[in-house]
PDB file of N, CA and C in Angstrom:
ATOM      1  N   MET A   1      91.939 -78.412 -77.879  1.00  0.00           N
ATOM      2  CA  MET A   1      92.696 -78.963 -78.970  1.00  0.00           C
ATOM      3  C   MET A   1      93.944 -79.621 -78.400  1.00  0.00           C
ATOM      4  N   THR A   2      94.215 -80.799 -78.888  1.00  0.00           N
ATOM      5  CA  THR A   2      95.436 -81.479 -78.499  1.00  0.00           C
ATOM      6  C   THR A   2      96.148 -81.979 -79.742  1.00  0.00           C
ATOM      7  N   THR A   3      97.471 -82.018 -79.671  1.00  0.00           N
ATOM      8  CA  THR A   3      98.276 -82.516 -80.776  1.00  0.00           C
ATOM      9  C   THR A   3      99.068 -83.703 -80.273  1.00  0.00           C
ATOM     10  N   GLY A   4      98.937 -84.815 -80.956  1.00  0.00           N
ATOM     11  CA  GLY A   4      99.662 -86.019 -80.569  1.00  0.00           C
ATOM     12  C   GLY A   4     100.955 -86.155 -81.347  1.00  0.00           C
ATOM     13  N   ASP A   5     101.757 -87.134 -80.972  1.00  0.00           N
ATOM     14  CA  ASP A   5     103.023 -87.393 -81.644  1.00  0.00           C
ATOM     15  C   ASP A   5     102.824 -87.881 -83.074  1.00  0.00           C
ATOM     16  N   ASP A   6     101.614 -88.326 -83.396  1.00  0.00           N
ATOM     17  CA  ASP A   6     101.341 -88.864 -84.722  1.00  0.00           C
ATOM     18  C   ASP A   6     100.848 -87.798 -85.697  1.00  0.00           C
ATOM     19  N   ASN A   7     101.088 -86.530 -85.377  1.00  0.00           N
ATOM     20  CA  ASN A   7     100.650 -85.397 -86.204  1.00  0.00           C
ATOM     21  C   ASN A   7      99.140 -85.299 -86.305  1.00  0.00           C
ATOM     22  N   ARG A   8      98.448 -85.831 -85.349  1.00  0.00           N
ATOM     23  CA  ARG A   8      96.994 -85.747 -85.323  1.00  0.00           C
ATOM     24  C   ARG A   8      96.606 -84.600 -84.402  1.00  0.00           C
ATOM     25  N   VAL A   9      95.734 -83.730 -84.898  1.00  0.00           N
ATOM     26  CA  VAL A   9      95.230 -82.622 -84.103  1.00  0.00           C
ATOM     27  C   VAL A   9      93.777 -82.934 -83.793  1.00  0.00           C
ATOM     28  N   VAL A  10      93.466 -83.038 -82.518  1.00  0.00           N
ATOM     29  CA  VAL A  10      92.104 -83.343 -82.092  1.00  0.00           C
ATOM     30  C   VAL A  10      91.429 -82.037 -81.690  1.00  0.00           C
ATOM     31  N   ILE A  11      90.339 -81.724 -82.385  1.00  0.00           N
ATOM     32  CA  ILE A  11      89.589 -80.495 -82.115  1.00  0.00           C
ATOM     33  C   ILE A  11      88.135 -80.888 -81.941  1.00  0.00           C
ATOM     34  N   ASN A  12      87.583 -80.591 -80.777  1.00  0.00           N
ATOM     35  CA  ASN A  12      86.207 -80.989 -80.487  1.00  0.00           C
ATOM     36  C   ASN A  12      85.169 -80.066 -81.105  1.00  0.00           C
ATOM     37  N   ASP A  13      85.480 -78.800 -81.229  1.00  0.00           N
ATOM     38  CA  ASP A  13      84.528 -77.835 -81.755  1.00  0.00           C
ATOM     39  C   ASP A  13      84.488 -77.905 -83.287  1.00  0.00           C
ATOM     40  N   PRO A  14      83.314 -78.132 -83.888  1.00  0.00           N
ATOM     41  CA  PRO A  14      83.223 -78.252 -85.350  1.00  0.00           C
ATOM     42  C   PRO A  14      83.683 -76.990 -86.089  1.00  0.00           C
ATOM     43  N   PHE A  15      83.373 -75.816 -85.560  1.00  0.00           N
ATOM     44  CA  PHE A  15      83.799 -74.576 -86.205  1.00  0.00           C
ATOM     45  C   PHE A  15      85.316 -74.458 -86.189  1.00  0.00           C
ATOM     46  N   ALA A  16      85.922 -74.730 -85.051  1.00  0.00           N
ATOM     47  CA  ALA A  16      87.378 -74.663 -84.931  1.00  0.00           C
ATOM     48  C   ALA A  16      88.038 -75.700 -85.836  1.00  0.00           C
ATOM     49  N   ARG A  17      87.411 -76.855 -85.974  1.00  0.00           N
ATOM     50  CA  ARG A  17      87.935 -77.897 -86.856  1.00  0.00           C
ATOM     51  C   ARG A  17      87.959 -77.395 -88.308  1.00  0.00           C
ATOM     52  N   ARG A  18      86.882 -76.741 -88.729  1.00  0.00           N
ATOM     53  CA  ARG A  18      86.823 -76.199 -90.088  1.00  0.00           C
ATOM     54  C   ARG A  18      87.895 -75.121 -90.292  1.00  0.00           C
ATOM     55  N   LEU A  19      88.103 -74.290 -89.274  1.00  0.00           N
ATOM     56  CA  LEU A  19      89.148 -73.271 -89.365  1.00  0.00           C
ATOM     57  C   LEU A  19      90.529 -73.895 -89.555  1.00  0.00           C
ATOM     58  N   MET A  20      90.793 -74.966 -88.816  1.00  0.00           N
ATOM     59  CA  MET A  20      92.088 -75.631 -88.918  1.00  0.00           C
ATOM     60  C   MET A  20      92.267 -76.251 -90.303  1.00  0.00           C
ATOM     61  N   VAL A  21      91.239 -76.883 -90.808  1.00  0.00           N
ATOM     62  CA  VAL A  21      91.321 -77.481 -92.140  1.00  0.00           C
ATOM     63  C   VAL A  21      91.596 -76.394 -93.183  1.00  0.00           C
ATOM     64  N   ARG A  22      90.915 -75.283 -93.060  1.00  0.00           N
ATOM     65  CA  ARG A  22      91.119 -74.153 -93.983  1.00  0.00           C
ATOM     66  C   ARG A  22      92.545 -73.607 -93.835  1.00  0.00           C
ATOM     67  N   TYR A  23      93.010 -73.471 -92.617  1.00  0.00           N
ATOM     68  CA  TYR A  23      94.372 -72.981 -92.377  1.00  0.00           C
ATOM     69  C   TYR A  23      95.392 -73.884 -93.075  1.00  0.00           C
ATOM     70  N   LEU A  24      95.225 -75.188 -92.912  1.00  0.00           N
ATOM     71  CA  LEU A  24      96.163 -76.125 -93.527  1.00  0.00           C
ATOM     72  C   LEU A  24      96.103 -76.050 -95.051  1.00  0.00           C
ATOM     73  N   GLN A  25      94.920 -75.849 -95.611  1.00  0.00           N
ATOM     74  CA  GLN A  25      94.809 -75.712 -97.065  1.00  0.00           C
ATOM     75  C   GLN A  25      95.543 -74.453 -97.538  1.00  0.00           C
ATOM     76  N   HIS A  26      95.413 -73.401 -96.792  1.00  0.00           N
ATOM     77  CA  HIS A  26      96.138 -72.175 -97.147  1.00  0.00           C
ATOM     78  C   HIS A  26      97.648 -72.389 -97.091  1.00  0.00           C
ATOM     79  N   ARG A  27      98.111 -73.208 -96.146  1.00  0.00           N
ATOM     80  CA  ARG A  27      99.546 -73.477 -96.074  1.00  0.00           C
ATOM     81  C   ARG A  27      99.990 -74.290 -97.285  1.00  0.00           C
ATOM     82  N   LYS A  28      99.143 -75.185 -97.762  1.00  0.00           N
ATOM     83  CA  LYS A  28      99.477 -75.929 -98.982  1.00  0.00           C
ATOM     84  C   LYS A  28      99.580 -74.970-100.168  1.00  0.00           C
ATOM     85  N   ASP A  29      98.705 -73.992-100.210  1.00  0.00           N
ATOM     86  CA  ASP A  29      98.793 -72.962-101.250  1.00  0.00           C
ATOM     87  C   ASP A  29     100.092 -72.173-101.115  1.00  0.00           C
ATOM     88  N   ASP A  30     100.479 -71.894 -99.868  1.00  0.00           N
ATOM     89  CA  ASP A  30     101.733 -71.172 -99.616  1.00  0.00           C
ATOM     90  C   ASP A  30     102.936 -71.937-100.151  1.00  0.00           C
ATOM     91  N   ILE A  31     102.890 -73.248-100.053  1.00  0.00           N
ATOM     92  CA  ILE A  31     104.007 -74.069-100.529  1.00  0.00           C
ATOM     93  C   ILE A  31     104.191 -73.863-102.030  1.00  0.00           C
ATOM     94  N   SER A  32     103.094 -73.835-102.765  1.00  0.00           N
ATOM     95  CA  SER A  32     103.176 -73.569-104.207  1.00  0.00           C
ATOM     96  C   SER A  32     103.731 -72.175-104.466  1.00  0.00           C
ATOM     97  N   THR A  33     103.262 -71.210-103.713  1.00  0.00           N
ATOM     98  CA  THR A  33     103.737 -69.831-103.855  1.00  0.00           C
ATOM     99  C   THR A  33     105.228 -69.735-103.552  1.00  0.00           C
ATOM    100  N   LEU A  34     105.665 -70.425-102.503  1.00  0.00           N
ATOM    101  CA  LEU A  34     107.080 -70.410-102.139  1.00  0.00           C
ATOM    102  C   LEU A  34     107.937 -71.023-103.242  1.00  0.00           C
ATOM    103  N   ARG A  35     107.472 -72.110-103.820  1.00  0.00           N
ATOM    104  CA  ARG A  35     108.240 -72.756-104.890  1.00  0.00           C
ATOM    105  C   ARG A  35     108.362 -71.834-106.111  1.00  0.00           C
ATOM    106  N   LEU A  36     107.275 -71.168-106.449  1.00  0.00           N
ATOM    107  CA  LEU A  36     107.320 -70.233-107.578  1.00  0.00           C
ATOM    108  C   LEU A  36     108.270 -69.070-107.285  1.00  0.00           C
ATOM    109  N   ALA A  37     108.198 -68.549-106.065  1.00  0.00           N
ATOM    110  CA  ALA A  37     109.080 -67.443-105.687  1.00  0.00           C
ATOM    111  C   ALA A  37     110.537 -67.883-105.737  1.00  0.00           C
ATOM    112  N   LEU A  38     110.812 -69.094-105.292  1.00  0.00           N
ATOM    113  CA  LEU A  38     112.186 -69.591-105.331  1.00  0.00           C
ATOM    114  C   LEU A  38     112.658 -69.734-106.778  1.00  0.00           C
ATOM    115  N   ALA A  39     111.797 -70.259-107.630  1.00  0.00           N
ATOM    116  CA  ALA A  39     112.153 -70.407-109.045  1.00  0.00           C
ATOM    117  C   ALA A  39     112.433 -69.050-109.692  1.00  0.00           C
ATOM    118  N   ASP A  40     111.729 -68.026-109.243  1.00  0.00           N
ATOM    119  CA  ASP A  40     111.909 -66.669-109.770  1.00  0.00           C
ATOM    120  C   ASP A  40     113.025 -65.903-109.067  1.00  0.00           C
ATOM    121  N   GLY A  41     113.594 -66.493-108.015  1.00  0.00           N
ATOM    122  CA  GLY A  41     114.621 -65.797-107.246  1.00  0.00           C
ATOM    123  C   GLY A  41     114.064 -64.634-106.449  1.00  0.00           C
ATOM    124  N   ASP A  42     112.781 -64.718-106.102  1.00  0.00           N
ATOM    125  CA  ASP A  42     112.112 -63.637-105.363  1.00  0.00           C
ATOM    126  C   ASP A  42     112.257 -63.884-103.857  1.00  0.00           C
ATOM    127  N   PHE A  43     113.424 -63.572-103.338  1.00  0.00           N
ATOM    128  CA  PHE A  43     113.719 -63.828-101.932  1.00  0.00           C
ATOM    129  C   PHE A  43     112.913 -62.933-100.998  1.00  0.00           C
ATOM    130  N   ASP A  44     112.532 -61.768-101.483  1.00  0.00           N
ATOM    131  CA  ASP A  44     111.714 -60.884-100.661  1.00  0.00           C
ATOM    132  C   ASP A  44     110.332 -61.507-100.418  1.00  0.00           C
ATOM    133  N   ALA A  45     109.747 -62.103-101.451  1.00  0.00           N
ATOM    134  CA  ALA A  45     108.449 -62.777-101.286  1.00  0.00           C
ATOM    135  C   ALA A  45     108.571 -63.956-100.331  1.00  0.00           C
ATOM    136  N   ILE A  46     109.669 -64.676-100.406  1.00  0.00           N
ATOM    137  CA  ILE A  46     109.900 -65.819 -99.504  1.00  0.00           C
ATOM    138  C   ILE A  46     110.056 -65.321 -98.074  1.00  0.00           C
ATOM    139  N   ARG A  47     110.810 -64.241 -97.917  1.00  0.00           N
ATOM    140  CA  ARG A  47     110.990 -63.670 -96.573  1.00  0.00           C
ATOM    141  C   ARG A  47     109.657 -63.251 -95.984  1.00  0.00           C
ATOM    142  N   HIS A  48     108.851 -62.586 -96.790  1.00  0.00           N
ATOM    143  CA  HIS A  48     107.533 -62.126 -96.335  1.00  0.00           C
ATOM    144  C   HIS A  48     106.625 -63.308 -95.979  1.00  0.00           C
ATOM    145  N   LYS A  49     106.595 -64.329 -96.821  1.00  0.00           N
ATOM    146  CA  LYS A  49     105.758 -65.505 -96.554  1.00  0.00           C
ATOM    147  C   LYS A  49     106.253 -66.219 -95.293  1.00  0.00           C
ATOM    148  N   GLY A  50     107.571 -66.316 -95.137  1.00  0.00           N
ATOM    149  CA  GLY A  50     108.129 -66.940 -93.935  1.00  0.00           C
ATOM    150  C   GLY A  50     107.722 -66.182 -92.684  1.00  0.00           C
ATOM    151  N   HIS A  51     107.757 -64.858 -92.762  1.00  0.00           N
ATOM    152  CA  HIS A  51     107.353 -64.026 -91.635  1.00  0.00           C
ATOM    153  C   HIS A  51     105.889 -64.292 -91.263  1.00  0.00           C
ATOM    154  N   ASN A  52     105.029 -64.387 -92.274  1.00  0.00           N
ATOM    155  CA  ASN A  52     103.610 -64.653 -92.018  1.00  0.00           C
ATOM    156  C   ASN A  52     103.394 -66.039 -91.414  1.00  0.00           C
ATOM    157  N   LEU A  53     104.139 -67.021 -91.892  1.00  0.00           N
ATOM    158  CA  LEU A  53     104.036 -68.374 -91.328  1.00  0.00           C
ATOM    159  C   LEU A  53     104.488 -68.380 -89.869  1.00  0.00           C
ATOM    160  N   PHE A  54     105.572 -67.676 -89.614  1.00  0.00           N
ATOM    161  CA  PHE A  54     106.071 -67.575 -88.242  1.00  0.00           C
ATOM    162  C   PHE A  54     104.991 -67.009 -87.318  1.00  0.00           C
ATOM    163  N   GLY A  55     104.297 -66.002 -87.802  1.00  0.00           N
ATOM    164  CA  GLY A  55     103.282 -65.348 -86.984  1.00  0.00           C
ATOM    165  C   GLY A  55     102.000 -66.136 -86.805  1.00  0.00           C
ATOM    166  N   SER A  56     101.686 -67.015 -87.728  1.00  0.00           N
ATOM    167  CA  SER A  56     100.379 -67.683 -87.663  1.00  0.00           C
ATOM    168  C   SER A  56     100.402 -69.098 -87.091  1.00  0.00           C
ATOM    169  N   GLY A  57     101.490 -69.802 -87.256  1.00  0.00           N
ATOM    170  CA  GLY A  57     101.522 -71.217 -86.871  1.00  0.00           C
ATOM    171  C   GLY A  57     101.169 -71.481 -85.422  1.00  0.00           C
ATOM    172  N   SER A  58     101.810 -70.790 -84.525  1.00  0.00           N
ATOM    173  CA  SER A  58     101.571 -71.021 -83.098  1.00  0.00           C
ATOM    174  C   SER A  58     100.156 -70.651 -82.685  1.00  0.00           C
ATOM    175  N   ALA A  59      99.568 -69.684 -83.374  1.00  0.00           N
ATOM    176  CA  ALA A  59      98.184 -69.298 -83.059  1.00  0.00           C
ATOM    177  C   ALA A  59      97.228 -70.459 -83.305  1.00  0.00           C
ATOM    178  N   TYR A  60      97.613 -71.355 -84.196  1.00  0.00           N
ATOM    179  CA  TYR A  60      96.800 -72.536 -84.490  1.00  0.00           C
ATOM    180  C   TYR A  60      97.323 -73.779 -83.773  1.00  0.00           C
ATOM    181  N   GLY A  61      98.274 -73.586 -82.891  1.00  0.00           N
ATOM    182  CA  GLY A  61      98.832 -74.719 -82.149  1.00  0.00           C
ATOM    183  C   GLY A  61      99.824 -75.529 -82.961  1.00  0.00           C
ATOM    184  N   LEU A  62     100.305 -74.967 -84.070  1.00  0.00           N
ATOM    185  CA  LEU A  62     101.238 -75.668 -84.945  1.00  0.00           C
ATOM    186  C   LEU A  62     102.602 -74.966 -84.884  1.00  0.00           C
ATOM    187  N   ASP A  63     103.280 -75.198 -83.780  1.00  0.00           N
ATOM    188  CA  ASP A  63     104.566 -74.540 -83.546  1.00  0.00           C
ATOM    189  C   ASP A  63     105.579 -74.848 -84.640  1.00  0.00           C
ATOM    190  N   ARG A  64     105.480 -76.030 -85.240  1.00  0.00           N
ATOM    191  CA  ARG A  64     106.427 -76.405 -86.298  1.00  0.00           C
ATOM    192  C   ARG A  64     106.289 -75.465 -87.507  1.00  0.00           C
ATOM    193  N   VAL A  65     105.075 -75.047 -87.820  1.00  0.00           N
ATOM    194  CA  VAL A  65     104.873 -74.098 -88.915  1.00  0.00           C
ATOM    195  C   VAL A  65     105.576 -72.787 -88.585  1.00  0.00           C
ATOM    196  N   SER A  66     105.446 -72.334 -87.340  1.00  0.00           N
ATOM    197  CA  SER A  66     106.133 -71.102 -86.926  1.00  0.00           C
ATOM    198  C   SER A  66     107.649 -71.252 -87.007  1.00  0.00           C
ATOM    199  N   GLU A  67     108.160 -72.388 -86.580  1.00  0.00           N
ATOM    200  CA  GLU A  67     109.610 -72.627 -86.630  1.00  0.00           C
ATOM    201  C   GLU A  67     110.119 -72.592 -88.065  1.00  0.00           C
ATOM    202  N   LEU A  68     109.406 -73.264 -88.948  1.00  0.00           N
ATOM    203  CA  LEU A  68     109.827 -73.298 -90.347  1.00  0.00           C
ATOM    204  C   LEU A  68     109.665 -71.929 -91.007  1.00  0.00           C
ATOM    205  N   GLY A  69     108.629 -71.199 -90.618  1.00  0.00           N
ATOM    206  CA  GLY A  69     108.451 -69.850 -91.138  1.00  0.00           C
ATOM    207  C   GLY A  69     109.599 -68.942 -90.746  1.00  0.00           C
ATOM    208  N   ALA A  70     110.006 -69.020 -89.494  1.00  0.00           N
ATOM    209  CA  ALA A  70     111.134 -68.209 -89.026  1.00  0.00           C
ATOM    210  C   ALA A  70     112.406 -68.581 -89.783  1.00  0.00           C
ATOM    211  N   ALA A  71     112.599 -69.859 -90.001  1.00  0.00           N
ATOM    212  CA  ALA A  71     113.779 -70.315 -90.734  1.00  0.00           C
ATOM    213  C   ALA A  71     113.740 -69.840 -92.186  1.00  0.00           C
ATOM    214  N   LEU A  72     112.568 -69.869 -92.804  1.00  0.00           N
ATOM    215  CA  LEU A  72     112.435 -69.369 -94.177  1.00  0.00           C
ATOM    216  C   LEU A  72     112.756 -67.880 -94.244  1.00  0.00           C
ATOM    217  N   GLU A  73     112.241 -67.140 -93.299  1.00  0.00           N
ATOM    218  CA  GLU A  73     112.491 -65.699 -93.269  1.00  0.00           C
ATOM    219  C   GLU A  73     113.994 -65.409 -93.160  1.00  0.00           C
ATOM    220  N   LYS A  74     114.636 -66.086 -92.234  1.00  0.00           N
ATOM    221  CA  LYS A  74     116.068 -65.889 -92.000  1.00  0.00           C
ATOM    222  C   LYS A  74     116.894 -66.309 -93.220  1.00  0.00           C
ATOM    223  N   THR A  75     116.547 -67.445 -93.793  1.00  0.00           N
ATOM    224  CA  THR A  75     117.301 -67.979 -94.920  1.00  0.00           C
ATOM    225  C   THR A  75     117.082 -67.146 -96.179  1.00  0.00           C
ATOM    226  N   ALA A  76     115.891 -66.586 -96.343  1.00  0.00           N
ATOM    227  CA  ALA A  76     115.631 -65.719 -97.502  1.00  0.00           C
ATOM    228  C   ALA A  76     116.492 -64.469 -97.448  1.00  0.00           C
ATOM    229  N   LYS A  77     116.739 -63.975 -96.253  1.00  0.00           N
ATOM    230  CA  LYS A  77     117.612 -62.798 -96.115  1.00  0.00           C
ATOM    231  C   LYS A  77     119.026 -63.111 -96.596  1.00  0.00           C
ATOM    232  N   LYS A  78     119.423 -64.374 -96.461  1.00  0.00           N
ATOM    233  CA  LYS A  78     120.759 -64.799 -96.910  1.00  0.00           C
ATOM    234  C   LYS A  78     120.760 -65.205 -98.385  1.00  0.00           C
ATOM    235  N   LYS A  79     119.554 -65.297 -98.969  1.00  0.00           N
ATOM    236  CA  LYS A  79     119.381 -65.680-100.380  1.00  0.00           C
ATOM    237  C   LYS A  79     119.996 -67.047-100.672  1.00  0.00           C
ATOM    238  N   ASN A  80     119.757 -67.977 -99.747  1.00  0.00           N
ATOM    239  CA  ASN A  80     120.286 -69.332 -99.886  1.00  0.00           C
ATOM    240  C   ASN A  80     119.196 -70.249-100.456  1.00  0.00           C
ATOM    241  N   GLY A  81     119.160 -70.367-101.770  1.00  0.00           N
ATOM    242  CA  GLY A  81     118.116 -71.125-102.444  1.00  0.00           C
ATOM    243  C   GLY A  81     118.079 -72.595-102.078  1.00  0.00           C
ATOM    244  N   GLU A  82     119.231 -73.208-101.909  1.00  0.00           N
ATOM    245  CA  GLU A  82     119.282 -74.633-101.577  1.00  0.00           C
ATOM    246  C   GLU A  82     118.640 -74.894-100.213  1.00  0.00           C
ATOM    247  N   ASP A  83     118.983 -74.088 -99.227  1.00  0.00           N
ATOM    248  CA  ASP A  83     118.401 -74.257 -97.897  1.00  0.00           C
ATOM    249  C   ASP A  83     116.907 -73.933 -97.898  1.00  0.00           C
ATOM    250  N   ILE A  84     116.515 -72.945 -98.694  1.00  0.00           N
ATOM    251  CA  ILE A  84     115.092 -72.606 -98.795  1.00  0.00           C
ATOM    252  C   ILE A  84     114.321 -73.786 -99.366  1.00  0.00           C
ATOM    253  N   ALA A  85     114.856 -74.417-100.396  1.00  0.00           N
ATOM    254  CA  ALA A  85     114.191 -75.580-101.001  1.00  0.00           C
ATOM    255  C   ALA A  85     113.991 -76.680 -99.962  1.00  0.00           C
ATOM    256  N   GLN A  86     114.988 -76.902 -99.126  1.00  0.00           N
ATOM    257  CA  GLN A  86     114.870 -77.926 -98.079  1.00  0.00           C
ATOM    258  C   GLN A  86     113.810 -77.548 -97.057  1.00  0.00           C
ATOM    259  N   LEU A  87     113.745 -76.281 -96.703  1.00  0.00           N
ATOM    260  CA  LEU A  87     112.733 -75.833 -95.741  1.00  0.00           C
ATOM    261  C   LEU A  87     111.327 -75.961 -96.317  1.00  0.00           C
ATOM    262  N   ILE A  88     111.180 -75.669 -97.595  1.00  0.00           N
ATOM    263  CA  ILE A  88     109.875 -75.832 -98.241  1.00  0.00           C
ATOM    264  C   ILE A  88     109.460 -77.304 -98.197  1.00  0.00           C
ATOM    265  N   GLU A  89     110.398 -78.200 -98.441  1.00  0.00           N
ATOM    266  CA  GLU A  89     110.108 -79.639 -98.380  1.00  0.00           C
ATOM    267  C   GLU A  89     109.680 -80.045 -96.965  1.00  0.00           C
ATOM    268  N   LYS A  90     110.352 -79.509 -95.978  1.00  0.00           N
ATOM    269  CA  LYS A  90     109.996 -79.825 -94.587  1.00  0.00           C
ATOM    270  C   LYS A  90     108.606 -79.295 -94.251  1.00  0.00           C
ATOM    271  N   LEU A  91     108.307 -78.091 -94.715  1.00  0.00           N
ATOM    272  CA  LEU A  91     106.981 -77.522 -94.485  1.00  0.00           C
ATOM    273  C   LEU A  91     105.917 -78.380 -95.153  1.00  0.00           C
ATOM    274  N   GLU A  92     106.170 -78.782 -96.384  1.00  0.00           N
ATOM    275  CA  GLU A  92     105.204 -79.617 -97.092  1.00  0.00           C
ATOM    276  C   GLU A  92     104.997 -80.957 -96.380  1.00  0.00           C
ATOM    277  N   ALA A  93     106.076 -81.567 -95.938  1.00  0.00           N
ATOM    278  CA  ALA A  93     105.968 -82.844 -95.230  1.00  0.00           C
ATOM    279  C   ALA A  93     105.145 -82.694 -93.958  1.00  0.00           C
ATOM    280  N   PHE A  94     105.398 -81.620 -93.220  1.00  0.00           N
ATOM    281  CA  PHE A  94     104.653 -81.425 -91.972  1.00  0.00           C
ATOM    282  C   PHE A  94     103.176 -81.191 -92.257  1.00  0.00           C
ATOM    283  N   VAL A  95     102.878 -80.235 -93.120  1.00  0.00           N
ATOM    284  CA  VAL A  95     101.487 -79.868 -93.403  1.00  0.00           C
ATOM    285  C   VAL A  95     100.726 -81.055 -93.995  1.00  0.00           C
ATOM    286  N   SER A  96     101.372 -81.812 -94.850  1.00  0.00           N
ATOM    287  CA  SER A  96     100.705 -82.953 -95.488  1.00  0.00           C
ATOM    288  C   SER A  96     100.390 -84.077 -94.503  1.00  0.00           C
ATOM    289  N   ASN A  97     101.145 -84.113 -93.418  1.00  0.00           N
ATOM    290  CA  ASN A  97     100.961 -85.205 -92.455  1.00  0.00           C
ATOM    291  C   ASN A  97     100.079 -84.846 -91.258  1.00  0.00           C
ATOM    292  N   VAL A  98      99.659 -83.607 -91.156  1.00  0.00           N
ATOM    293  CA  VAL A  98      98.757 -83.221 -90.054  1.00  0.00           C
ATOM    294  C   VAL A  98      97.368 -83.785 -90.352  1.00  0.00           C
ATOM    295  N   ARG A  99      96.800 -84.444 -89.396  1.00  0.00           N
ATOM    296  CA  ARG A  99      95.455 -85.009 -89.508  1.00  0.00           C
ATOM    297  C   ARG A  99      94.558 -84.353 -88.485  1.00  0.00           C
ATOM    298  N   VAL A 100      93.479 -83.732 -88.948  1.00  0.00           N
ATOM    299  CA  VAL A 100      92.541 -83.048 -88.066  1.00  0.00           C
ATOM    300  C   VAL A 100      91.375 -83.986 -87.805  1.00  0.00           C
ATOM    301  N   THR A 101      91.129 -84.247 -86.532  1.00  0.00           N
ATOM    302  CA  THR A 101      90.003 -85.124 -86.157  1.00  0.00           C
ATOM    303  C   THR A 101      89.185 -84.458 -85.060  1.00  0.00           C
TER     304      THR A 101
END
């Protein structure tokens, strides 16, 4: 697997490609969950989701997901809704722009 500067992830194995596509879809679901948690002021749920993102992103070769997850976890502990909203936007932008080929 290689990742280019254009957010394209090249995966030769068809099974691994399907796993990556599924992983990215789950992250899109996470974005919705994060937005709902933020609207509800559920910082604990955001912290937990951020922790999970931190742990999973690098395993899929998506270090940016791990970075944003760590930032979400840290920011949720501070209960900073404005910064959390910005991090969710960054996560959405990254995940939406990854192309698996």
